[in-house]
mmCIF file of all heavy atoms, coordinates in Angstrom:
data_MODEL
# 
_entry.id   MODEL 
# 
loop_
_atom_site.group_PDB 
_atom_site.id 
_atom_site.type_symbol 
_atom_site.label_atom_id 
_atom_site.label_alt_id 
_atom_site.label_comp_id 
_atom_site.label_asym_id 
_atom_site.label_entity_id 
_atom_site.label_seq_id 
_atom_site.pdbx_PDB_ins_code 
_atom_site.Cartn_x 
_atom_site.Cartn_y 
_atom_site.Cartn_z 
_atom_site.occupancy 
_atom_site.B_iso_or_equiv 
_atom_site.pdbx_formal_charge 
_atom_site.auth_seq_id 
_atom_site.auth_comp_id 
_atom_site.auth_asym_id 
_atom_site.auth_atom_id 
_atom_site.pdbx_PDB_model_num 
ATOM 1   N N   . GLY A 1 1  ? -49.156 39.969 -130.382 1.00 0.00 ? 1  GLY A N   1 
ATOM 2   C CA  . GLY A 1 1  ? -49.149 40.956 -131.451 1.00 0.00 ? 1  GLY A CA  1 
ATOM 3   C C   . GLY A 1 1  ? -47.867 40.910 -132.260 1.00 0.00 ? 1  GLY A C   1 
ATOM 4   O O   . GLY A 1 1  ? -47.893 40.991 -133.500 1.00 0.00 ? 1  GLY A O   1 
ATOM 5   N N   . LEU A 1 2  ? -46.724 40.767 -131.577 1.00 0.00 ? 2  LEU A N   1 
ATOM 6   C CA  . LEU A 1 2  ? -45.449 40.695 -132.293 1.00 0.00 ? 2  LEU A CA  1 
ATOM 7   C C   . LEU A 1 2  ? -45.366 39.425 -133.129 1.00 0.00 ? 2  LEU A C   1 
ATOM 8   O O   . LEU A 1 2  ? -44.900 39.455 -134.277 1.00 0.00 ? 2  LEU A O   1 
ATOM 9   C CB  . LEU A 1 2  ? -44.290 40.749 -131.306 1.00 0.00 ? 2  LEU A CB  1 
ATOM 10  C CG  . LEU A 1 2  ? -42.892 40.653 -131.941 1.00 0.00 ? 2  LEU A CG  1 
ATOM 11  C CD1 . LEU A 1 2  ? -42.664 41.768 -132.950 1.00 0.00 ? 2  LEU A CD1 1 
ATOM 12  C CD2 . LEU A 1 2  ? -41.807 40.675 -130.869 1.00 0.00 ? 2  LEU A CD2 1 
ATOM 13  N N   . LEU A 1 3  ? -45.809 38.297 -132.578 1.00 0.00 ? 3  LEU A N   1 
ATOM 14  C CA  . LEU A 1 3  ? -45.779 37.055 -133.346 1.00 0.00 ? 3  LEU A CA  1 
ATOM 15  C C   . LEU A 1 3  ? -46.656 37.174 -134.590 1.00 0.00 ? 3  LEU A C   1 
ATOM 16  O O   . LEU A 1 3  ? -46.260 36.767 -135.690 1.00 0.00 ? 3  LEU A O   1 
ATOM 17  C CB  . LEU A 1 3  ? -46.238 35.885 -132.478 1.00 0.00 ? 3  LEU A CB  1 
ATOM 18  C CG  . LEU A 1 3  ? -46.285 34.514 -133.169 1.00 0.00 ? 3  LEU A CG  1 
ATOM 19  C CD1 . LEU A 1 3  ? -44.929 34.151 -133.756 1.00 0.00 ? 3  LEU A CD1 1 
ATOM 20  C CD2 . LEU A 1 3  ? -46.751 33.440 -132.186 1.00 0.00 ? 3  LEU A CD2 1 
ATOM 21  N N   . ALA A 1 4  ? -47.856 37.749 -134.439 1.00 0.00 ? 4  ALA A N   1 
ATOM 22  C CA  . ALA A 1 4  ? -48.747 37.937 -135.589 1.00 0.00 ? 4  ALA A CA  1 
ATOM 23  C C   . ALA A 1 4  ? -48.089 38.831 -136.639 1.00 0.00 ? 4  ALA A C   1 
ATOM 24  O O   . ALA A 1 4  ? -48.140 38.547 -137.845 1.00 0.00 ? 4  ALA A O   1 
ATOM 25  C CB  . ALA A 1 4  ? -50.069 38.548 -135.129 1.00 0.00 ? 4  ALA A CB  1 
ATOM 26  N N   . LEU A 1 5  ? -47.464 39.908 -136.190 1.00 0.00 ? 5  LEU A N   1 
ATOM 27  C CA  . LEU A 1 5  ? -46.791 40.829 -137.112 1.00 0.00 ? 5  LEU A CA  1 
ATOM 28  C C   . LEU A 1 5  ? -45.699 40.114 -137.903 1.00 0.00 ? 5  LEU A C   1 
ATOM 29  O O   . LEU A 1 5  ? -45.597 40.255 -139.137 1.00 0.00 ? 5  LEU A O   1 
ATOM 30  C CB  . LEU A 1 5  ? -46.196 41.996 -136.321 1.00 0.00 ? 5  LEU A CB  1 
ATOM 31  C CG  . LEU A 1 5  ? -45.336 42.994 -137.094 1.00 0.00 ? 5  LEU A CG  1 
ATOM 32  C CD1 . LEU A 1 5  ? -46.153 43.710 -138.149 1.00 0.00 ? 5  LEU A CD1 1 
ATOM 33  C CD2 . LEU A 1 5  ? -44.697 44.000 -136.135 1.00 0.00 ? 5  LEU A CD2 1 
ATOM 34  N N   . MET A 1 6  ? -44.881 39.330 -137.201 1.00 0.00 ? 6  MET A N   1 
ATOM 35  C CA  . MET A 1 6  ? -43.809 38.602 -137.879 1.00 0.00 ? 6  MET A CA  1 
ATOM 36  C C   . MET A 1 6  ? -44.367 37.624 -138.911 1.00 0.00 ? 6  MET A C   1 
ATOM 37  O O   . MET A 1 6  ? -43.871 37.540 -140.043 1.00 0.00 ? 6  MET A O   1 
ATOM 38  C CB  . MET A 1 6  ? -42.966 37.847 -136.850 1.00 0.00 ? 6  MET A CB  1 
ATOM 39  C CG  . MET A 1 6  ? -42.103 38.723 -135.969 1.00 0.00 ? 6  MET A CG  1 
ATOM 40  S SD  . MET A 1 6  ? -41.184 37.694 -134.782 1.00 0.00 ? 6  MET A SD  1 
ATOM 41  C CE  . MET A 1 6  ? -40.133 38.926 -134.003 1.00 0.00 ? 6  MET A CE  1 
ATOM 42  N N   . LEU A 1 7  ? -45.398 36.879 -138.526 1.00 0.00 ? 7  LEU A N   1 
ATOM 43  C CA  . LEU A 1 7  ? -45.949 35.879 -139.436 1.00 0.00 ? 7  LEU A CA  1 
ATOM 44  C C   . LEU A 1 7  ? -46.548 36.536 -140.677 1.00 0.00 ? 7  LEU A C   1 
ATOM 45  O O   . LEU A 1 7  ? -46.376 36.049 -141.805 1.00 0.00 ? 7  LEU A O   1 
ATOM 46  C CB  . LEU A 1 7  ? -47.017 35.047 -138.717 1.00 0.00 ? 7  LEU A CB  1 
ATOM 47  C CG  . LEU A 1 7  ? -46.513 34.174 -137.563 1.00 0.00 ? 7  LEU A CG  1 
ATOM 48  C CD1 . LEU A 1 7  ? -47.683 33.498 -136.856 1.00 0.00 ? 7  LEU A CD1 1 
ATOM 49  C CD2 . LEU A 1 7  ? -45.516 33.143 -138.056 1.00 0.00 ? 7  LEU A CD2 1 
ATOM 50  N N   . LEU A 1 8  ? -47.246 37.648 -140.492 1.00 0.00 ? 8  LEU A N   1 
ATOM 51  C CA  . LEU A 1 8  ? -47.882 38.329 -141.622 1.00 0.00 ? 8  LEU A CA  1 
ATOM 52  C C   . LEU A 1 8  ? -46.842 38.909 -142.582 1.00 0.00 ? 8  LEU A C   1 
ATOM 53  O O   . LEU A 1 8  ? -47.029 38.872 -143.806 1.00 0.00 ? 8  LEU A O   1 
ATOM 54  C CB  . LEU A 1 8  ? -48.816 39.425 -141.106 1.00 0.00 ? 8  LEU A CB  1 
ATOM 55  C CG  . LEU A 1 8  ? -50.081 38.896 -140.415 1.00 0.00 ? 8  LEU A CG  1 
ATOM 56  C CD1 . LEU A 1 8  ? -50.761 40.007 -139.618 1.00 0.00 ? 8  LEU A CD1 1 
ATOM 57  C CD2 . LEU A 1 8  ? -51.052 38.325 -141.456 1.00 0.00 ? 8  LEU A CD2 1 
ATOM 58  N N   . HIS A 1 9  ? -45.762 39.439 -142.053 1.00 0.00 ? 9  HIS A N   1 
ATOM 59  C CA  . HIS A 1 9  ? -44.698 39.950 -142.919 1.00 0.00 ? 9  HIS A CA  1 
ATOM 60  C C   . HIS A 1 9  ? -43.934 38.803 -143.583 1.00 0.00 ? 9  HIS A C   1 
ATOM 61  O O   . HIS A 1 9  ? -43.618 38.867 -144.776 1.00 0.00 ? 9  HIS A O   1 
ATOM 62  C CB  . HIS A 1 9  ? -43.730 40.821 -142.115 1.00 0.00 ? 9  HIS A CB  1 
ATOM 63  C CG  . HIS A 1 9  ? -44.188 42.230 -141.955 1.00 0.00 ? 9  HIS A CG  1 
ATOM 64  N ND1 . HIS A 1 9  ? -44.441 43.061 -143.016 1.00 0.00 ? 9  HIS A ND1 1 
ATOM 65  C CD2 . HIS A 1 9  ? -44.447 42.964 -140.845 1.00 0.00 ? 9  HIS A CD2 1 
ATOM 66  C CE1 . HIS A 1 9  ? -44.830 44.256 -142.571 1.00 0.00 ? 9  HIS A CE1 1 
ATOM 67  N NE2 . HIS A 1 9  ? -44.849 44.208 -141.261 1.00 0.00 ? 9  HIS A NE2 1 
ATOM 68  N N   . HIS A 1 10 ? -43.634 37.780 -142.800 1.00 0.00 ? 10 HIS A N   1 
ATOM 69  C CA  . HIS A 1 10 ? -42.864 36.654 -143.338 1.00 0.00 ? 10 HIS A CA  1 
ATOM 70  C C   . HIS A 1 10 ? -43.645 35.925 -144.431 1.00 0.00 ? 10 HIS A C   1 
ATOM 71  O O   . HIS A 1 10 ? -43.041 35.334 -145.334 1.00 0.00 ? 10 HIS A O   1 
ATOM 72  C CB  . HIS A 1 10 ? -42.514 35.692 -142.205 1.00 0.00 ? 10 HIS A CB  1 
ATOM 73  C CG  . HIS A 1 10 ? -41.266 34.903 -142.466 1.00 0.00 ? 10 HIS A CG  1 
ATOM 74  N ND1 . HIS A 1 10 ? -40.035 35.491 -142.681 1.00 0.00 ? 10 HIS A ND1 1 
ATOM 75  C CD2 . HIS A 1 10 ? -41.048 33.566 -142.554 1.00 0.00 ? 10 HIS A CD2 1 
ATOM 76  C CE1 . HIS A 1 10 ? -39.122 34.557 -142.880 1.00 0.00 ? 10 HIS A CE1 1 
ATOM 77  N NE2 . HIS A 1 10 ? -39.709 33.388 -142.808 1.00 0.00 ? 10 HIS A NE2 1 
ATOM 78  N N   . ALA A 1 11 ? -44.965 35.970 -144.358 1.00 0.00 ? 11 ALA A N   1 
ATOM 79  C CA  . ALA A 1 11 ? -45.795 35.309 -145.368 1.00 0.00 ? 11 ALA A CA  1 
ATOM 80  C C   . ALA A 1 11 ? -45.565 35.887 -146.759 1.00 0.00 ? 11 ALA A C   1 
ATOM 81  O O   . ALA A 1 11 ? -45.786 35.206 -147.768 1.00 0.00 ? 11 ALA A O   1 
ATOM 82  C CB  . ALA A 1 11 ? -47.272 35.453 -144.980 1.00 0.00 ? 11 ALA A CB  1 
ATOM 83  N N   . ARG A 1 12 ? -45.109 37.145 -146.837 1.00 0.00 ? 12 ARG A N   1 
ATOM 84  C CA  . ARG A 1 12 ? -44.904 37.796 -148.133 1.00 0.00 ? 12 ARG A CA  1 
ATOM 85  C C   . ARG A 1 12 ? -43.465 37.692 -148.630 1.00 0.00 ? 12 ARG A C   1 
ATOM 86  O O   . ARG A 1 12 ? -43.135 38.197 -149.698 1.00 0.00 ? 12 ARG A O   1 
ATOM 87  C CB  . ARG A 1 12 ? -45.276 39.289 -148.030 1.00 0.00 ? 12 ARG A CB  1 
ATOM 88  C CG  . ARG A 1 12 ? -46.691 39.550 -147.584 1.00 0.00 ? 12 ARG A CG  1 
ATOM 89  C CD  . ARG A 1 12 ? -47.142 40.962 -147.936 1.00 0.00 ? 12 ARG A CD  1 
ATOM 90  N NE  . ARG A 1 12 ? -46.312 42.010 -147.382 1.00 0.00 ? 12 ARG A NE  1 
ATOM 91  C CZ  . ARG A 1 12 ? -46.615 42.732 -146.306 1.00 0.00 ? 12 ARG A CZ  1 
ATOM 92  N NH1 . ARG A 1 12 ? -47.738 42.487 -145.662 1.00 0.00 ? 12 ARG A NH1 1 
ATOM 93  N NH2 . ARG A 1 12 ? -45.809 43.689 -145.882 1.00 0.00 ? 12 ARG A NH2 1 
ATOM 94  N N   . ARG A 1 13 ? -42.610 37.050 -147.857 1.00 0.00 ? 13 ARG A N   1 
ATOM 95  C CA  . ARG A 1 13 ? -41.180 37.121 -148.156 1.00 0.00 ? 13 ARG A CA  1 
ATOM 96  C C   . ARG A 1 13 ? -40.825 36.551 -149.526 1.00 0.00 ? 13 ARG A C   1 
ATOM 97  O O   . ARG A 1 13 ? -39.988 37.116 -150.240 1.00 0.00 ? 13 ARG A O   1 
ATOM 98  C CB  . ARG A 1 13 ? -40.383 36.411 -147.070 1.00 0.00 ? 13 ARG A CB  1 
ATOM 99  C CG  . ARG A 1 13 ? -38.885 36.631 -147.231 1.00 0.00 ? 13 ARG A CG  1 
ATOM 100 C CD  . ARG A 1 13 ? -38.100 36.205 -146.030 1.00 0.00 ? 13 ARG A CD  1 
ATOM 101 N NE  . ARG A 1 13 ? -36.713 36.652 -146.140 1.00 0.00 ? 13 ARG A NE  1 
ATOM 102 C CZ  . ARG A 1 13 ? -35.797 36.447 -145.225 1.00 0.00 ? 13 ARG A CZ  1 
ATOM 103 N NH1 . ARG A 1 13 ? -36.106 35.794 -144.125 1.00 0.00 ? 13 ARG A NH1 1 
ATOM 104 N NH2 . ARG A 1 13 ? -34.563 36.881 -145.385 1.00 0.00 ? 13 ARG A NH2 1 
ATOM 105 N N   . ALA A 1 14 ? -41.435 35.456 -149.917 1.00 0.00 ? 14 ALA A N   1 
ATOM 106 C CA  . ALA A 1 14 ? -41.091 34.834 -151.201 1.00 0.00 ? 14 ALA A CA  1 
ATOM 107 C C   . ALA A 1 14 ? -41.390 35.744 -152.381 1.00 0.00 ? 14 ALA A C   1 
ATOM 108 O O   . ALA A 1 14 ? -40.763 35.625 -153.439 1.00 0.00 ? 14 ALA A O   1 
ATOM 109 C CB  . ALA A 1 14 ? -41.851 33.514 -151.356 1.00 0.00 ? 14 ALA A CB  1 
ATOM 110 N N   . ALA A 1 15 ? -42.348 36.646 -152.204 1.00 0.00 ? 15 ALA A N   1 
ATOM 111 C CA  . ALA A 1 15 ? -42.755 37.532 -153.300 1.00 0.00 ? 15 ALA A CA  1 
ATOM 112 C C   . ALA A 1 15 ? -42.007 38.860 -153.297 1.00 0.00 ? 15 ALA A C   1 
ATOM 113 O O   . ALA A 1 15 ? -42.205 39.678 -154.198 1.00 0.00 ? 15 ALA A O   1 
ATOM 114 C CB  . ALA A 1 15 ? -44.260 37.800 -153.215 1.00 0.00 ? 15 ALA A CB  1 
ATOM 115 N N   . ARG A 1 16 ? -41.159 39.091 -152.307 1.00 0.00 ? 16 ARG A N   1 
ATOM 116 C CA  . ARG A 1 16 ? -40.504 40.396 -152.174 1.00 0.00 ? 16 ARG A CA  1 
ATOM 117 C C   . ARG A 1 16 ? -39.322 40.593 -153.117 1.00 0.00 ? 16 ARG A C   1 
ATOM 118 O O   . ARG A 1 16 ? -38.863 41.710 -153.317 1.00 0.00 ? 16 ARG A O   1 
ATOM 119 C CB  . ARG A 1 16 ? -40.021 40.612 -150.731 1.00 0.00 ? 16 ARG A CB  1 
ATOM 120 C CG  . ARG A 1 16 ? -41.138 40.790 -149.737 1.00 0.00 ? 16 ARG A CG  1 
ATOM 121 C CD  . ARG A 1 16 ? -40.598 41.089 -148.348 1.00 0.00 ? 16 ARG A CD  1 
ATOM 122 N NE  . ARG A 1 16 ? -40.050 42.442 -148.272 1.00 0.00 ? 16 ARG A NE  1 
ATOM 123 C CZ  . ARG A 1 16 ? -38.773 42.729 -148.037 1.00 0.00 ? 16 ARG A CZ  1 
ATOM 124 N NH1 . ARG A 1 16 ? -37.899 41.752 -147.893 1.00 0.00 ? 16 ARG A NH1 1 
ATOM 125 N NH2 . ARG A 1 16 ? -38.367 43.977 -147.966 1.00 0.00 ? 16 ARG A NH2 1 
ATOM 126 N N   . THR A 1 17 ? -38.806 39.507 -153.689 1.00 0.00 ? 17 THR A N   1 
ATOM 127 C CA  . THR A 1 17 ? -37.685 39.623 -154.616 1.00 0.00 ? 17 THR A CA  1 
ATOM 128 C C   . THR A 1 17 ? -37.973 38.844 -155.891 1.00 0.00 ? 17 THR A C   1 
ATOM 129 O O   . THR A 1 17 ? -38.639 37.808 -155.871 1.00 0.00 ? 17 THR A O   1 
ATOM 130 C CB  . THR A 1 17 ? -36.381 39.095 -153.986 1.00 0.00 ? 17 THR A CB  1 
ATOM 131 O OG1 . THR A 1 17 ? -36.590 37.746 -153.527 1.00 0.00 ? 17 THR A OG1 1 
ATOM 132 C CG2 . THR A 1 17 ? -35.959 39.963 -152.812 1.00 0.00 ? 17 THR A CG2 1 
ATOM 133 N N   . ALA A 1 18 ? -37.467 39.363 -157.003 1.00 0.00 ? 18 ALA A N   1 
ATOM 134 C CA  . ALA A 1 18 ? -37.594 38.683 -158.289 1.00 0.00 ? 18 ALA A CA  1 
ATOM 135 C C   . ALA A 1 18 ? -36.489 37.634 -158.420 1.00 0.00 ? 18 ALA A C   1 
ATOM 136 O O   . ALA A 1 18 ? -35.613 37.510 -157.569 1.00 0.00 ? 18 ALA A O   1 
ATOM 137 C CB  . ALA A 1 18 ? -37.508 39.707 -159.412 1.00 0.00 ? 18 ALA A CB  1 
ATOM 138 N N   . SER A 1 19 ? -36.515 36.895 -159.520 1.00 0.00 ? 19 SER A N   1 
ATOM 139 C CA  . SER A 1 19 ? -35.533 35.827 -159.713 1.00 0.00 ? 19 SER A CA  1 
ATOM 140 C C   . SER A 1 19 ? -34.107 36.356 -159.797 1.00 0.00 ? 19 SER A C   1 
ATOM 141 O O   . SER A 1 19 ? -33.152 35.639 -159.494 1.00 0.00 ? 19 SER A O   1 
ATOM 142 C CB  . SER A 1 19 ? -35.869 35.042 -160.985 1.00 0.00 ? 19 SER A CB  1 
ATOM 143 O OG  . SER A 1 19 ? -35.912 35.916 -162.109 1.00 0.00 ? 19 SER A OG  1 
ATOM 144 N N   . ASP A 1 20 ? -33.953 37.628 -160.207 1.00 0.00 ? 20 ASP A N   1 
ATOM 145 C CA  . ASP A 1 20 ? -32.621 38.216 -160.294 1.00 0.00 ? 20 ASP A CA  1 
ATOM 146 C C   . ASP A 1 20 ? -32.183 38.883 -158.997 1.00 0.00 ? 20 ASP A C   1 
ATOM 147 O O   . ASP A 1 20 ? -31.135 39.519 -158.921 1.00 0.00 ? 20 ASP A O   1 
ATOM 148 C CB  . ASP A 1 20 ? -32.550 39.236 -161.439 1.00 0.00 ? 20 ASP A CB  1 
ATOM 149 C CG  . ASP A 1 20 ? -33.518 40.399 -161.243 1.00 0.00 ? 20 ASP A CG  1 
ATOM 150 O OD1 . ASP A 1 20 ? -34.275 40.408 -160.243 1.00 0.00 ? 20 ASP A OD1 1 
ATOM 151 O OD2 . ASP A 1 20 ? -33.538 41.300 -162.112 1.00 0.00 ? 20 ASP A OD2 1 
ATOM 152 N N   . GLY A 1 21 ? -33.008 38.756 -157.943 1.00 0.00 ? 21 GLY A N   1 
ATOM 153 C CA  . GLY A 1 21 ? -32.671 39.327 -156.648 1.00 0.00 ? 21 GLY A CA  1 
ATOM 154 C C   . GLY A 1 21 ? -33.142 40.744 -156.431 1.00 0.00 ? 21 GLY A C   1 
ATOM 155 O O   . GLY A 1 21 ? -32.982 41.293 -155.340 1.00 0.00 ? 21 GLY A O   1 
ATOM 156 N N   . SER A 1 22 ? -33.753 41.346 -157.439 1.00 0.00 ? 22 SER A N   1 
ATOM 157 C CA  . SER A 1 22 ? -34.229 42.723 -157.301 1.00 0.00 ? 22 SER A CA  1 
ATOM 158 C C   . SER A 1 22 ? -35.487 42.774 -156.446 1.00 0.00 ? 22 SER A C   1 
ATOM 159 O O   . SER A 1 22 ? -36.265 41.811 -156.389 1.00 0.00 ? 22 SER A O   1 
ATOM 160 C CB  . SER A 1 22 ? -34.514 43.330 -158.675 1.00 0.00 ? 22 SER A CB  1 
ATOM 161 O OG  . SER A 1 22 ? -35.509 42.586 -159.353 1.00 0.00 ? 22 SER A OG  1 
ATOM 162 N N   . LEU A 1 23 ? -35.692 43.911 -155.767 1.00 0.00 ? 23 LEU A N   1 
ATOM 163 C CA  . LEU A 1 23 ? -36.860 44.075 -154.903 1.00 0.00 ? 23 LEU A CA  1 
ATOM 164 C C   . LEU A 1 23 ? -38.127 44.240 -155.721 1.00 0.00 ? 23 LEU A C   1 
ATOM 165 O O   . LEU A 1 23 ? -38.129 44.863 -156.780 1.00 0.00 ? 23 LEU A O   1 
ATOM 166 C CB  . LEU A 1 23 ? -36.680 45.303 -154.007 1.00 0.00 ? 23 LEU A CB  1 
ATOM 167 C CG  . LEU A 1 23 ? -35.622 45.227 -152.903 1.00 0.00 ? 23 LEU A CG  1 
ATOM 168 C CD1 . LEU A 1 23 ? -35.620 46.529 -152.104 1.00 0.00 ? 23 LEU A CD1 1 
ATOM 169 C CD2 . LEU A 1 23 ? -35.903 44.061 -151.977 1.00 0.00 ? 23 LEU A CD2 1 
ATOM 170 N N   . VAL A 1 24 ? -39.215 43.672 -155.194 1.00 0.00 ? 24 VAL A N   1 
ATOM 171 C CA  . VAL A 1 24 ? -40.535 43.835 -155.802 1.00 0.00 ? 24 VAL A CA  1 
ATOM 172 C C   . VAL A 1 24 ? -41.412 44.595 -154.816 1.00 0.00 ? 24 VAL A C   1 
ATOM 173 O O   . VAL A 1 24 ? -41.692 44.097 -153.729 1.00 0.00 ? 24 VAL A O   1 
ATOM 174 C CB  . VAL A 1 24 ? -41.178 42.469 -156.129 1.00 0.00 ? 24 VAL A CB  1 
ATOM 175 C CG1 . VAL A 1 24 ? -42.555 42.688 -156.780 1.00 0.00 ? 24 VAL A CG1 1 
ATOM 176 C CG2 . VAL A 1 24 ? -40.270 41.648 -157.035 1.00 0.00 ? 24 VAL A CG2 1 
# 
């Protein structure tokens, strides 16, 4: 369960910040 949770969150990491570093 923990591994699945990490993978699902990490999958979104590239989209969490804009090019200027601001949070999305």
